[in-house]
Amino acid sequence: MSDYQRFLAARDLLLEHRTDYDAARRAFAWPKLERFNWALDHFDALAKSVPERVALVVLRDGGVRESRTFAELGERSNRVASFLRTLGVARGDRVLVMLPNCVELWETMLACMKLGAVIVPATLQLTIADLEDRVARGMTRLAVVDASVREKVAEVTGFTTKVIVGGEADGFHAFRASETASAAFEPDGDTRASDPMLLYFTSGTTAKPKLVLHTHESYPVGHLSTMYWIGLQPGDIHLNVSSPGWAKHAWSNVFAPWNAGATVLALDYARFSATAVLAALRDEQVTTLCAPPTVFRMLILEDLSKYHPVLREIAAAGEPLNPEVIEQVRRAWKLDVRDGYGQTETTALVGNTPGQRLVPGSMGRPLPGYEVALLDADDAAGNEGEIALSLSPRPTGLMVGYSDDAELTATAMRGGHYRTGDVASRTDDGYITYVGRTDDVFKASDYRISPFELESVLLEHPAVAEAAIVPSPDPLRAAVPKAYVALAPGYVPSASLADDLFAFVKARVPPYKRVKRIEFRELPKTVSGKIRRVELRRLEAERVKAGAGGDFEAS
């Protein structure tokens, strides 16, 4: 059996047991591969076996719709690979890819994989300093970028070769030149499964971005778990609402759907619009949807009952999913939003899978191929603690490590486990519930407070669009829970609204968990859309130290 046949056998087993979690867990094992190039071995095989099936649809402003079949993308990625080769791109070179949801993004990613180059995904929102960090720490010398970011890319020193998509500019090679490059691409040799393929810079919610290195095995093969969690099947039309440059985009806009032979639907709108997303679900006959909780919180502000999608599966990841969101979608569409969990460092490792019982607030159970332990401060496994992955055996979907920091890698991988930095609890029947980051959970009067739990309660109130709980220093209790609240449309900050929120939480949680302070404001976020609680913690500590007010106190 060839390496590719082993990959297909593992995939087909998960497809067969799509709704039988116990059977999938028992039977699945990561395929052991030596030579594997997902773009050449798998995507090009799809281009031959289902050439006319649509692989990619991109919707843009103004009603523009672009689509490509597997055969068309196979040929185009060959031409782009040939073009990049003429510019000197070779195996092992690191290529910054800074593009929106345009067809050229997928062509470039496939081309880099075929060449054996290492993709360094980048969001369009990066600053010049961010880009210089990619050059310095990421040792990135080549860049394929959108015309909209030409000026800031031009100011970055260190790029030896720059390619521009959607225009022409001095100092840049025009991507359109790839149209006349050879479609008969031949690789320069075998790709080892262990060869590097992706280098991610994390979003930096708590510290400087880390450099996460994945291989031709850890990401494409590792995302079999993601395919299983979402419930993807061949021929599905899958919409993942995510911005390019971040891991979740590759999770559900590249590897998981194409592992299954599904169609990827991507939105390239200048501004997020809940109604546009809902219209796309309906008009494109989307069967599977994945989006972060932030998107679902905006979708439920619309009247979902006016839309009648043909959805079969709905999944959420990126941050913990609040039970109120699940309930509102269920009432409108009679479908469950199934929460899942993973990191840039991993593929999906915990999830609520199709056909299984949902436990309110739980992100599910360990996915096939992952053994999850919850470790306490003494590294003892129990029903509450830091989420950790057993390294015996090492799961395929786990990163190689942090490419520029051997010490950080060793710390994360110590004691036979990979430590995620996230805290969770587990029921006796295996359902895992997120508690918070190890640096977000805090104590108030010696009671342990989970920000996520209180945030979920606040989000049940119709006035609350988003909430973040942080510790507010207190002379008697060390800290008390403070809520930073972003209001839903139609609500304005007031003392009476604050009192209403205090009473709302008071009626739903024990006394020691009650919110004691509230402030209304927009919440700071990373460029990937995650709330920066670390920034709010720092702000609150500085304010209390200076004796500043500006918030409402519980009476």
Protein backbone atom coordinates (compact mmCIF):
# COMPACT_ATOMS: atom_id res chain seq x y z
CA MET A 1 0.00 0.00 0.00
CA SER A 2 1.39 3.41 -0.98
CA ASP A 3 1.57 6.37 1.37
CA TYR A 4 -1.33 8.02 -0.45
CA GLN A 5 -3.43 4.86 -0.19
CA ARG A 6 -2.80 4.86 3.57
CA PHE A 7 -4.02 8.43 3.74
CA LEU A 8 -7.17 7.56 1.78
CA ALA A 9 -7.85 4.50 3.92
CA ALA A 10 -7.71 6.62 7.09
CA ARG A 11 -9.95 9.24 5.52
CA ASP A 12 -12.47 6.69 4.27
CA LEU A 13 -12.70 5.08 7.70
CA LEU A 14 -13.71 8.42 9.21
CA LEU A 15 -16.22 9.05 6.44
CA GLU A 16 -17.72 5.61 7.04
CA HIS A 17 -18.13 6.26 10.78
CA ARG A 18 -19.23 9.90 10.36
CA THR A 19 -22.00 9.61 12.98
CA ASP A 20 -20.56 6.75 15.06
CA TYR A 21 -18.12 8.45 17.41
CA ASP A 22 -17.25 5.34 19.43
CA ALA A 23 -16.49 3.27 16.33
CA ALA A 24 -14.35 6.03 14.85
CA ARG A 25 -12.37 6.40 18.07
CA ARG A 26 -11.76 2.65 18.28
CA ALA A 27 -10.81 2.05 14.67
CA PHE A 28 -8.92 5.19 13.64
CA ALA A 29 -5.14 5.45 13.68
CA TRP A 30 -3.02 8.12 12.07
CA PRO A 31 -1.51 6.78 8.83
CA LYS A 32 2.29 6.48 8.94
CA LEU A 33 3.69 8.25 5.90
CA GLU A 34 7.21 8.71 4.58
CA ARG A 35 6.72 10.45 1.22
CA PHE A 36 3.69 12.70 0.90
CA ASN A 37 2.80 15.91 -0.89
CA TRP A 38 -0.90 16.67 -0.38
CA ALA A 39 -1.17 19.01 -3.37
CA LEU A 40 0.51 16.58 -5.79
CA ASP A 41 -0.79 13.32 -4.35
CA HIS A 42 -4.30 14.22 -3.20
CA PHE A 43 -5.48 17.43 -4.85
CA ASP A 44 -4.19 16.45 -8.28
CA ALA A 45 -5.83 13.05 -7.83
CA LEU A 46 -9.15 14.86 -7.27
CA ALA A 47 -8.46 16.92 -10.39
CA LYS A 48 -8.30 13.65 -12.34
CA SER A 49 -11.08 11.68 -10.61
CA VAL A 50 -13.69 14.47 -10.31
CA PRO A 51 -12.38 17.06 -12.80
CA GLU A 52 -15.69 18.87 -13.30
CA ARG A 53 -16.62 19.07 -9.61
CA VAL A 54 -16.42 22.65 -8.35
CA ALA A 55 -13.52 22.99 -5.91
CA LEU A 56 -13.81 26.69 -5.07
CA VAL A 57 -16.40 29.46 -5.22
CA VAL A 58 -15.56 33.04 -4.20
CA LEU A 59 -18.29 35.65 -3.71
CA ARG A 60 -17.24 39.31 -3.89
CA ASP A 61 -18.87 42.71 -3.56
CA GLY A 62 -21.11 43.78 -6.40
CA GLY A 63 -22.49 40.31 -6.98
CA VAL A 64 -19.25 38.97 -8.48
CA ARG A 65 -19.01 35.17 -8.35
CA GLU A 66 -15.92 33.20 -9.38
CA SER A 67 -15.69 29.42 -9.44
CA ARG A 68 -13.01 26.87 -10.29
CA THR A 69 -13.26 23.14 -10.78
CA PHE A 70 -10.69 20.75 -9.34
CA ALA A 71 -9.23 20.32 -12.83
CA GLU A 72 -8.97 24.08 -13.36
CA LEU A 73 -7.28 24.67 -10.02
CA GLY A 74 -4.94 21.74 -10.63
CA GLU A 75 -3.78 23.28 -13.90
CA ARG A 76 -3.60 26.84 -12.54
CA SER A 77 -1.55 25.79 -9.51
CA ASN A 78 0.87 24.03 -11.87
CA ARG A 79 1.29 27.24 -13.85
CA VAL A 80 1.82 29.29 -10.69
CA ALA A 81 4.37 26.76 -9.43
CA SER A 82 6.23 26.96 -12.76
CA PHE A 83 6.10 30.77 -12.62
CA LEU A 84 7.43 30.93 -9.05
CA ARG A 85 10.19 28.49 -9.99
CA THR A 86 11.37 30.90 -12.71
CA LEU A 87 11.62 33.57 -9.98
CA GLY A 88 13.92 31.31 -7.98
CA VAL A 89 11.48 29.81 -5.48
CA ALA A 90 12.85 26.44 -4.44
CA ARG A 91 12.18 23.69 -1.94
CA GLY A 92 12.43 24.96 1.64
CA ASP A 93 12.13 28.65 0.73
CA ARG A 94 9.71 30.60 2.93
CA VAL A 95 7.03 32.48 1.01
CA LEU A 96 4.86 35.11 2.66
CA VAL A 97 1.32 34.87 1.27
CA MET A 98 -0.64 38.06 1.99
CA LEU A 99 -3.85 37.82 0.00
CA PRO A 100 -7.59 38.21 0.60
CA ASN A 101 -10.14 35.52 -0.27
CA CYS A 102 -9.30 35.60 -3.96
CA VAL A 103 -8.80 32.63 -6.28
CA GLU A 104 -5.09 33.46 -6.45
CA LEU A 105 -4.75 32.63 -2.74
CA TRP A 106 -5.65 28.99 -3.29
CA GLU A 107 -3.58 28.81 -6.49
CA THR A 108 -0.55 30.12 -4.61
CA MET A 109 -0.93 27.81 -1.62
CA LEU A 110 -1.22 24.75 -3.85
CA ALA A 111 1.73 25.94 -5.94
CA CYS A 112 3.96 26.42 -2.90
CA MET A 113 3.08 22.93 -1.65
CA LYS A 114 3.96 21.45 -5.04
CA LEU A 115 7.31 23.27 -5.01
CA GLY A 116 8.06 22.18 -1.44
CA ALA A 117 8.23 25.84 -0.37
CA VAL A 118 7.11 26.84 3.13
CA ILE A 119 3.96 28.98 3.23
CA VAL A 120 3.93 31.87 5.72
CA PRO A 121 0.27 33.00 5.83
CA ALA A 122 -0.32 36.69 6.58
CA THR A 123 -3.42 38.80 7.09
CA LEU A 124 -3.81 42.00 5.11
CA GLN A 125 -4.04 43.88 8.40
CA LEU A 126 -0.38 43.38 9.31
CA THR A 127 1.66 46.51 9.90
CA ILE A 128 5.11 47.25 8.52
CA ALA A 129 6.57 46.24 11.90
CA ASP A 130 4.66 42.93 11.72
CA LEU A 131 6.04 42.27 8.26
CA GLU A 132 9.57 43.09 9.33
CA ASP A 133 9.12 40.56 12.15
CA ARG A 134 8.16 37.95 9.52
CA VAL A 135 11.35 38.73 7.65
CA ALA A 136 13.62 38.79 10.72
CA ARG A 137 12.30 35.92 12.85
CA GLY A 138 10.59 33.96 10.08
CA MET A 139 13.49 34.27 7.65
CA THR A 140 10.96 35.02 4.91
CA ARG A 141 12.53 36.32 1.71
CA LEU A 142 9.75 35.98 -0.87
CA ALA A 143 6.29 37.51 -0.83
CA VAL A 144 3.09 37.12 -2.85
CA VAL A 145 0.84 40.04 -1.90
CA ASP A 146 -2.34 41.83 -2.87
CA ALA A 147 -2.15 45.18 -4.65
CA SER A 148 -3.94 46.82 -1.71
CA VAL A 149 -0.90 46.29 0.55
CA ARG A 150 1.75 47.20 -2.04
CA GLU A 151 2.89 50.40 -0.34
CA LYS A 152 3.62 48.92 3.08
CA VAL A 153 5.24 45.81 1.60
CA ALA A 154 7.47 48.05 -0.51
CA GLU A 155 8.79 49.69 2.68
CA VAL A 156 9.91 46.37 4.18
CA THR A 157 13.56 45.57 3.70
CA GLY A 158 14.58 41.94 3.35
CA PHE A 159 12.24 40.59 0.69
CA THR A 160 14.38 39.46 -2.25
CA THR A 161 11.43 38.69 -4.51
CA LYS A 162 7.96 40.25 -4.47
CA VAL A 163 4.93 39.25 -6.53
CA ILE A 164 1.82 41.43 -6.77
CA VAL A 165 -1.71 40.14 -7.40
CA GLY A 166 -4.23 42.47 -9.04
CA GLY A 167 -1.93 44.99 -10.65
CA GLU A 168 1.63 46.00 -11.50
CA ALA A 169 4.22 48.00 -9.57
CA ASP A 170 7.92 48.81 -9.66
CA GLY A 171 9.91 46.25 -7.73
CA PHE A 172 7.15 43.62 -8.03
CA HIS A 173 6.60 40.78 -10.48
CA ALA A 174 3.05 40.65 -11.81
CA PHE A 175 1.19 37.50 -10.79
CA ARG A 176 -0.69 37.56 -14.07
CA ALA A 177 2.54 36.47 -15.81
CA SER A 178 1.82 33.00 -14.39
CA GLU A 179 -0.96 32.62 -16.98
CA THR A 180 1.60 31.87 -19.68
CA ALA A 181 3.84 29.64 -17.53
CA SER A 182 4.04 25.92 -18.19
CA ALA A 183 1.10 23.76 -17.05
CA ALA A 184 3.34 20.68 -17.16
CA PHE A 185 4.85 21.01 -13.67
CA GLU A 186 7.34 18.39 -12.52
CA PRO A 187 8.54 18.35 -8.89
CA ASP A 188 12.27 18.42 -8.28
CA GLY A 189 12.05 15.25 -6.19
CA ASP A 190 10.05 13.49 -3.52
CA THR A 191 8.53 15.41 -0.63
CA ARG A 192 9.10 13.82 2.74
CA ALA A 193 6.06 13.84 4.98
CA SER A 194 8.24 15.45 7.66
CA ASP A 195 9.32 18.35 5.42
CA PRO A 196 8.17 21.80 6.60
CA MET A 197 5.11 23.18 4.82
CA LEU A 198 3.52 25.96 6.91
CA LEU A 199 4.91 28.54 9.31
CA TYR A 200 2.27 30.38 11.31
CA PHE A 201 2.72 33.47 13.44
CA THR A 202 0.12 33.20 16.22
CA SER A 203 -2.26 36.07 16.87
CA GLY A 204 -0.51 37.15 20.05
CA THR A 205 -3.47 37.40 22.45
CA THR A 206 -1.18 37.33 25.48
CA ALA A 207 2.37 37.86 24.23
CA LYS A 208 4.57 38.28 21.17
CA PRO A 209 3.48 36.00 18.30
CA LYS A 210 4.96 32.51 18.37
CA LEU A 211 6.26 30.80 15.24
CA VAL A 212 4.39 27.52 14.77
CA LEU A 213 5.89 25.08 12.26
CA HIS A 214 3.81 22.39 10.52
CA THR A 215 4.78 19.74 7.99
CA HIS A 216 3.34 18.12 4.87
CA GLU A 217 1.95 15.51 7.26
CA SER A 218 0.89 17.42 10.38
CA TYR A 219 -1.48 19.80 8.63
CA PRO A 220 -2.98 18.05 5.59
CA VAL A 221 -3.18 14.63 7.26
CA GLY A 222 -3.79 16.10 10.70
CA HIS A 223 -6.92 17.81 9.42
CA LEU A 224 -8.64 14.47 8.99
CA SER A 225 -9.76 15.14 12.57
CA THR A 226 -11.18 18.51 11.49
CA MET A 227 -12.99 16.92 8.57
CA TYR A 228 -14.54 14.42 10.98
CA TRP A 229 -15.58 17.05 13.52
CA ILE A 230 -17.30 19.24 10.91
CA GLY A 231 -18.96 16.19 9.37
CA LEU A 232 -17.83 16.89 5.80
CA GLN A 233 -18.69 14.52 2.97
CA PRO A 234 -17.69 14.35 -0.71
CA GLY A 235 -19.71 16.85 -2.73
CA ASP A 236 -20.62 19.07 0.22
CA ILE A 237 -20.63 22.85 -0.20
CA HIS A 238 -18.75 24.21 2.79
CA LEU A 239 -18.70 27.82 3.98
CA ASN A 240 -16.10 28.80 6.54
CA VAL A 241 -16.26 32.43 7.66
CA SER A 242 -12.63 33.20 8.33
CA SER A 243 -9.96 35.66 7.27
CA PRO A 244 -6.88 34.50 5.35
CA GLY A 245 -3.65 34.52 7.29
CA TRP A 246 -4.91 32.58 10.30
CA ALA A 247 -4.89 28.88 11.03
CA LYS A 248 -8.67 28.49 10.98
CA HIS A 249 -8.70 29.61 7.36
CA ALA A 250 -6.47 26.71 6.36
CA TRP A 251 -8.42 24.36 8.65
CA SER A 252 -11.76 24.84 6.92
CA ASN A 253 -11.04 26.68 3.68
CA VAL A 254 -8.36 24.31 2.42
CA PHE A 255 -7.54 21.03 4.11
CA ALA A 256 -10.68 19.73 5.83
CA PRO A 257 -13.09 20.27 2.90
CA TRP A 258 -10.67 19.17 0.21
CA ASN A 259 -9.69 16.11 2.26
CA ALA A 260 -13.32 15.10 1.81
CA GLY A 261 -13.61 16.23 -1.81
CA ALA A 262 -16.04 19.03 -0.91
CA THR A 263 -16.51 22.47 -2.46
CA VAL A 264 -15.04 25.48 -0.63
CA LEU A 265 -17.21 28.61 -0.57
CA ALA A 266 -15.38 31.79 0.46
CA LEU A 267 -16.62 35.35 0.98
CA ASP A 268 -14.49 38.31 -0.09
CA TYR A 269 -16.55 41.26 1.09
CA ALA A 270 -14.98 44.56 2.12
CA ARG A 271 -17.16 44.66 5.25
CA PHE A 272 -18.73 41.87 7.23
CA SER A 273 -22.48 41.66 6.72
CA ALA A 274 -24.64 39.18 8.59
CA THR A 275 -27.34 39.44 5.94
CA ALA A 276 -24.80 38.74 3.19
CA VAL A 277 -23.63 35.59 5.00
CA LEU A 278 -27.21 34.42 5.46
CA ALA A 279 -28.00 35.10 1.81
CA ALA A 280 -24.92 33.13 0.74
CA LEU A 281 -26.03 30.17 2.86
CA ARG A 282 -29.38 30.20 1.11
CA ASP A 283 -28.39 31.06 -2.45
CA GLU A 284 -25.33 28.79 -2.69
CA GLN A 285 -27.14 25.82 -1.11
CA VAL A 286 -24.47 25.49 1.59
CA THR A 287 -24.58 22.14 3.38
CA THR A 288 -21.91 22.69 6.05
CA LEU A 289 -21.04 25.90 7.89
CA CYS A 290 -18.21 26.78 10.24
CA ALA A 291 -17.68 30.20 11.83
CA PRO A 292 -16.25 31.71 15.01
CA PRO A 293 -18.61 32.59 17.88
CA THR A 294 -18.17 36.29 17.05
CA VAL A 295 -19.87 35.69 13.70
CA PHE A 296 -22.68 33.65 15.24
CA ARG A 297 -23.29 36.41 17.78
CA MET A 298 -23.80 38.81 14.87
CA LEU A 299 -25.94 36.37 12.89
CA ILE A 300 -28.42 35.90 15.72
CA LEU A 301 -29.04 39.65 15.80
CA GLU A 302 -30.86 39.04 12.49
CA ASP A 303 -34.18 37.24 12.12
CA LEU A 304 -32.85 33.79 11.25
CA SER A 305 -36.36 32.49 10.62
CA LYS A 306 -36.48 34.56 7.41
CA TYR A 307 -33.73 32.41 5.93
CA HIS A 308 -34.17 28.76 5.05
CA PRO A 309 -30.76 27.23 4.31
CA VAL A 310 -30.31 23.56 3.41
CA LEU A 311 -27.62 23.18 6.05
CA ARG A 312 -26.89 19.74 7.45
CA GLU A 313 -24.00 20.61 9.79
CA ILE A 314 -23.03 23.75 11.72
CA ALA A 315 -19.78 24.06 13.65
CA ALA A 316 -18.02 26.79 15.60
CA ALA A 317 -14.42 27.26 16.71
CA GLY A 318 -11.91 29.98 17.52
CA GLU A 319 -13.27 30.86 20.95
CA PRO A 320 -15.67 29.05 23.29
CA LEU A 321 -19.25 28.99 22.07
CA ASN A 322 -21.87 30.38 24.43
CA PRO A 323 -24.98 28.24 25.10
CA GLU A 324 -27.32 31.14 24.29
CA VAL A 325 -26.02 31.21 20.72
CA ILE A 326 -26.66 27.48 20.34
CA GLU A 327 -30.21 27.84 21.60
CA GLN A 328 -31.13 30.74 19.29
CA VAL A 329 -29.85 28.91 16.19
CA ARG A 330 -31.62 25.73 17.28
CA ARG A 331 -34.94 27.57 17.64
CA ALA A 332 -34.65 29.11 14.18
CA TRP A 333 -33.16 26.27 12.12
CA LYS A 334 -33.69 23.11 14.20
CA LEU A 335 -29.95 22.45 14.02
CA ASP A 336 -27.26 22.34 16.69
CA VAL A 337 -24.16 24.51 16.45
CA ARG A 338 -21.47 22.01 17.39
CA ASP A 339 -18.54 23.53 19.24
CA GLY A 340 -14.99 22.36 18.64
CA TYR A 341 -11.53 23.16 19.93
CA GLY A 342 -8.01 23.29 18.60
CA GLN A 343 -5.09 25.66 18.25
CA THR A 344 -2.71 26.98 15.64
CA GLU A 345 -0.34 24.39 17.08
CA THR A 346 -2.80 21.56 16.38
CA THR A 347 -5.70 20.55 14.21
CA ALA A 348 -9.17 20.06 15.75
CA LEU A 349 -8.60 17.91 18.84
CA VAL A 350 -11.88 18.13 20.79
CA GLY A 351 -15.31 18.46 19.27
CA ASN A 352 -19.00 17.72 19.28
CA THR A 353 -19.31 15.38 16.30
CA PRO A 354 -22.36 14.68 14.11
CA GLY A 355 -25.07 12.50 15.61
CA GLN A 356 -23.81 12.73 19.19
CA ARG A 357 -25.50 14.07 22.29
CA LEU A 358 -24.66 17.70 23.08
CA VAL A 359 -23.95 18.81 26.62
CA PRO A 360 -24.76 22.53 27.04
CA GLY A 361 -21.56 24.55 27.25
CA SER A 362 -19.29 21.61 26.42
CA MET A 363 -16.90 21.70 23.48
CA GLY A 364 -17.24 17.94 23.10
CA ARG A 365 -14.99 14.93 23.44
CA PRO A 366 -11.50 14.07 22.15
CA LEU A 367 -11.53 13.54 18.39
CA PRO A 368 -10.18 10.40 16.71
CA GLY A 369 -6.40 10.30 16.93
CA TYR A 370 -6.09 12.49 20.02
CA GLU A 371 -5.63 11.40 23.64
CA VAL A 372 -6.46 14.32 25.95
CA ALA A 373 -5.48 14.65 29.62
CA LEU A 374 -6.38 17.42 32.05
CA LEU A 375 -3.32 18.07 34.20
CA ASP A 376 -3.31 19.87 37.55
CA ALA A 377 -0.46 21.95 39.00
CA ASP A 378 1.35 18.74 39.99
CA ASP A 379 0.93 17.25 36.49
CA ALA A 380 -1.59 14.73 37.79
CA ALA A 381 -4.43 13.85 35.42
CA GLY A 382 -7.96 14.44 36.66
CA ASN A 383 -11.29 15.97 35.74
CA GLU A 384 -10.04 19.55 35.77
CA GLY A 385 -6.80 21.09 34.67
CA GLU A 386 -4.73 22.20 31.71
CA ILE A 387 -5.64 20.55 28.42
CA ALA A 388 -2.71 18.39 27.39
CA LEU A 389 -2.07 15.93 24.57
CA SER A 390 -0.34 12.65 25.18
CA LEU A 391 2.83 12.29 23.10
CA SER A 392 2.75 8.48 23.33
CA PRO A 393 2.06 8.17 20.51
CA ARG A 394 2.51 11.67 19.19
CA PRO A 395 -0.64 12.83 17.33
CA THR A 396 -0.02 13.62 13.67
CA GLY A 397 -1.90 16.93 13.90
CA LEU A 398 0.54 18.43 16.40
CA MET A 399 3.10 21.00 15.27
CA VAL A 400 6.80 20.23 15.01
CA GLY A 401 7.41 23.03 17.51
CA TYR A 402 8.11 26.74 17.79
CA SER A 403 10.64 27.22 15.04
CA ASP A 404 12.75 29.93 16.65
CA ASP A 405 12.48 28.89 20.30
CA ALA A 406 13.75 25.48 21.37
CA GLU A 407 13.28 26.36 25.04
CA LEU A 408 9.61 27.28 24.56
CA THR A 409 9.08 24.07 22.57
CA ALA A 410 10.67 21.97 25.32
CA THR A 411 8.51 23.66 27.95
CA ALA A 412 5.34 23.03 25.96
CA MET A 413 6.28 19.37 25.33
CA ARG A 414 7.56 18.47 28.80
CA GLY A 415 6.67 15.34 30.72
CA GLY A 416 5.30 13.37 27.80
CA HIS A 417 2.52 15.86 27.01
CA TYR A 418 1.97 18.92 24.85
CA ARG A 419 0.51 21.65 27.10
CA THR A 420 -2.07 23.89 25.43
CA GLY A 421 -2.22 26.65 28.05
CA ASP A 422 -6.00 26.21 28.24
CA VAL A 423 -7.90 25.00 31.30
CA ALA A 424 -10.97 22.75 31.11
CA SER A 425 -13.14 20.39 33.13
CA ARG A 426 -14.39 16.96 32.13
CA THR A 427 -17.50 15.00 33.11
CA ASP A 428 -17.39 11.31 33.91
CA ASP A 429 -18.72 10.49 30.45
CA GLY A 430 -15.90 12.40 28.75
CA TYR A 431 -17.41 15.76 27.79
CA ILE A 432 -14.92 18.61 28.11
CA THR A 433 -15.90 22.18 29.01
CA TYR A 434 -13.58 25.12 28.48
CA VAL A 435 -12.74 27.17 31.58
CA GLY A 436 -10.22 29.69 30.24
CA ARG A 437 -6.60 30.38 29.46
CA THR A 438 -4.27 29.54 32.29
CA ASP A 439 -3.49 33.25 32.51
CA ASP A 440 -7.18 34.35 32.30
CA VAL A 441 -8.59 32.28 35.18
CA PHE A 442 -8.31 34.17 38.48
CA LYS A 443 -9.28 33.99 42.13
CA ALA A 444 -11.72 36.25 43.98
CA SER A 445 -11.93 35.77 47.76
CA ASP A 446 -10.07 32.48 47.15
CA TYR A 447 -12.77 31.28 44.75
CA ARG A 448 -11.70 30.32 41.25
CA ILE A 449 -13.40 32.40 38.55
CA SER A 450 -13.78 31.30 34.92
CA PRO A 451 -14.22 34.36 32.69
CA PHE A 452 -15.96 32.29 30.03
CA GLU A 453 -18.68 31.12 32.41
CA LEU A 454 -19.65 34.66 33.43
CA GLU A 455 -19.34 35.95 29.86
CA SER A 456 -21.78 33.27 28.72
CA VAL A 457 -24.32 34.42 31.33
CA LEU A 458 -24.00 38.06 30.26
CA LEU A 459 -24.47 37.13 26.61
CA GLU A 460 -27.91 35.75 27.44
CA HIS A 461 -29.04 39.33 28.10
CA PRO A 462 -30.42 40.97 24.93
CA ALA A 463 -28.45 44.18 25.48
CA VAL A 464 -25.06 42.43 25.42
CA ALA A 465 -23.32 41.85 22.09
CA GLU A 466 -19.94 40.89 23.57
CA ALA A 467 -18.43 40.67 27.04
CA ALA A 468 -15.05 40.12 28.63
CA ILE A 469 -14.50 39.33 32.30
CA VAL A 470 -11.24 40.33 33.99
CA PRO A 471 -10.08 40.58 37.61
CA SER A 472 -10.41 44.05 39.12
CA PRO A 473 -7.98 44.47 42.06
CA ASP A 474 -9.78 44.76 45.39
CA PRO A 475 -8.19 45.44 48.83
CA LEU A 476 -10.41 42.95 50.68
CA ARG A 477 -10.95 40.12 48.18
CA ALA A 478 -7.72 40.36 46.14
CA ALA A 479 -9.87 40.71 43.02
CA VAL A 480 -13.51 40.90 41.97
CA PRO A 481 -15.02 40.04 38.57
CA LYS A 482 -15.37 43.04 36.30
CA ALA A 483 -17.29 42.94 33.02
CA TYR A 484 -16.32 44.98 30.00
CA VAL A 485 -19.44 45.02 27.85
CA ALA A 486 -20.04 45.94 24.20
CA LEU A 487 -23.72 46.65 23.69
CA ALA A 488 -26.02 45.31 20.99
CA PRO A 489 -27.56 47.79 18.51
CA GLY A 490 -30.30 49.90 20.05
CA TYR A 491 -28.85 50.01 23.58
CA VAL A 492 -26.90 52.84 25.20
CA PRO A 493 -24.76 52.84 28.36
CA SER A 494 -26.57 53.91 31.52
CA ALA A 495 -26.62 53.29 35.25
CA SER A 496 -30.04 51.66 34.95
CA LEU A 497 -28.77 49.23 32.31
CA ALA A 498 -25.78 48.39 34.51
CA ASP A 499 -28.13 47.69 37.42
CA ASP A 500 -30.21 45.48 35.17
CA LEU A 501 -27.12 43.49 34.17
CA PHE A 502 -25.99 43.13 37.79
CA ALA A 503 -29.42 41.75 38.70
CA PHE A 504 -29.46 39.49 35.65
CA VAL A 505 -26.15 37.84 36.60
CA LYS A 506 -27.04 37.75 40.31
CA ALA A 507 -30.11 35.62 39.54
CA ARG A 508 -28.05 33.07 37.63
CA VAL A 509 -24.77 32.46 39.47
CA PRO A 510 -23.66 31.77 43.06
CA PRO A 511 -22.79 34.82 45.19
CA TYR A 512 -19.02 34.36 44.93
CA LYS A 513 -19.17 34.51 41.12
CA ARG A 514 -21.24 37.68 40.78
CA VAL A 515 -20.02 40.52 38.63
CA LYS A 516 -19.12 43.46 40.86
CA ARG A 517 -18.13 46.07 38.30
CA ILE A 518 -19.24 46.88 34.76
CA GLU A 519 -17.86 49.15 32.08
CA PHE A 520 -19.40 49.73 28.67
CA ARG A 521 -16.91 49.97 25.80
CA GLU A 522 -15.71 48.38 22.59
CA LEU A 523 -13.49 45.41 23.28
CA PRO A 524 -9.86 45.33 22.12
CA LYS A 525 -9.13 42.46 19.76
CA THR A 526 -6.29 40.85 17.90
CA VAL A 527 -6.25 41.21 14.13
CA SER A 528 -7.78 37.71 13.99
CA GLY A 529 -10.78 38.91 16.02
CA LYS A 530 -10.03 37.35 19.40
CA ILE A 531 -10.68 39.46 22.51
CA ARG A 532 -7.47 40.67 24.15
CA ARG A 533 -8.32 40.09 27.80
CA VAL A 534 -4.66 40.62 28.67
CA GLU A 535 -5.01 44.25 27.54
CA LEU A 536 -8.14 44.72 29.63
CA ARG A 537 -6.48 43.14 32.67
CA ARG A 538 -3.58 45.56 32.35
CA LEU A 539 -5.92 48.52 31.85
CA GLU A 540 -7.96 47.59 34.90
CA ALA A 541 -4.90 47.14 37.11
CA GLU A 542 -3.56 50.54 36.05
CA ARG A 543 -6.89 52.26 36.65
CA VAL A 544 -7.38 50.83 40.13
CA LYS A 545 -3.81 51.72 41.07
CA ALA A 546 -4.39 55.31 39.93
CA GLY A 547 -7.73 55.49 41.71
CA ALA A 548 -9.57 56.10 38.44
CA GLY A 549 -13.24 55.31 38.00
CA GLY A 550 -15.33 55.14 34.88
CA ASP A 551 -17.30 52.02 35.65
CA PHE A 552 -20.44 50.99 37.53
CA GLU A 553 -20.32 49.22 40.88
CA ALA A 554 -22.77 46.59 42.07
CA SER A 555 -24.93 47.79 44.92
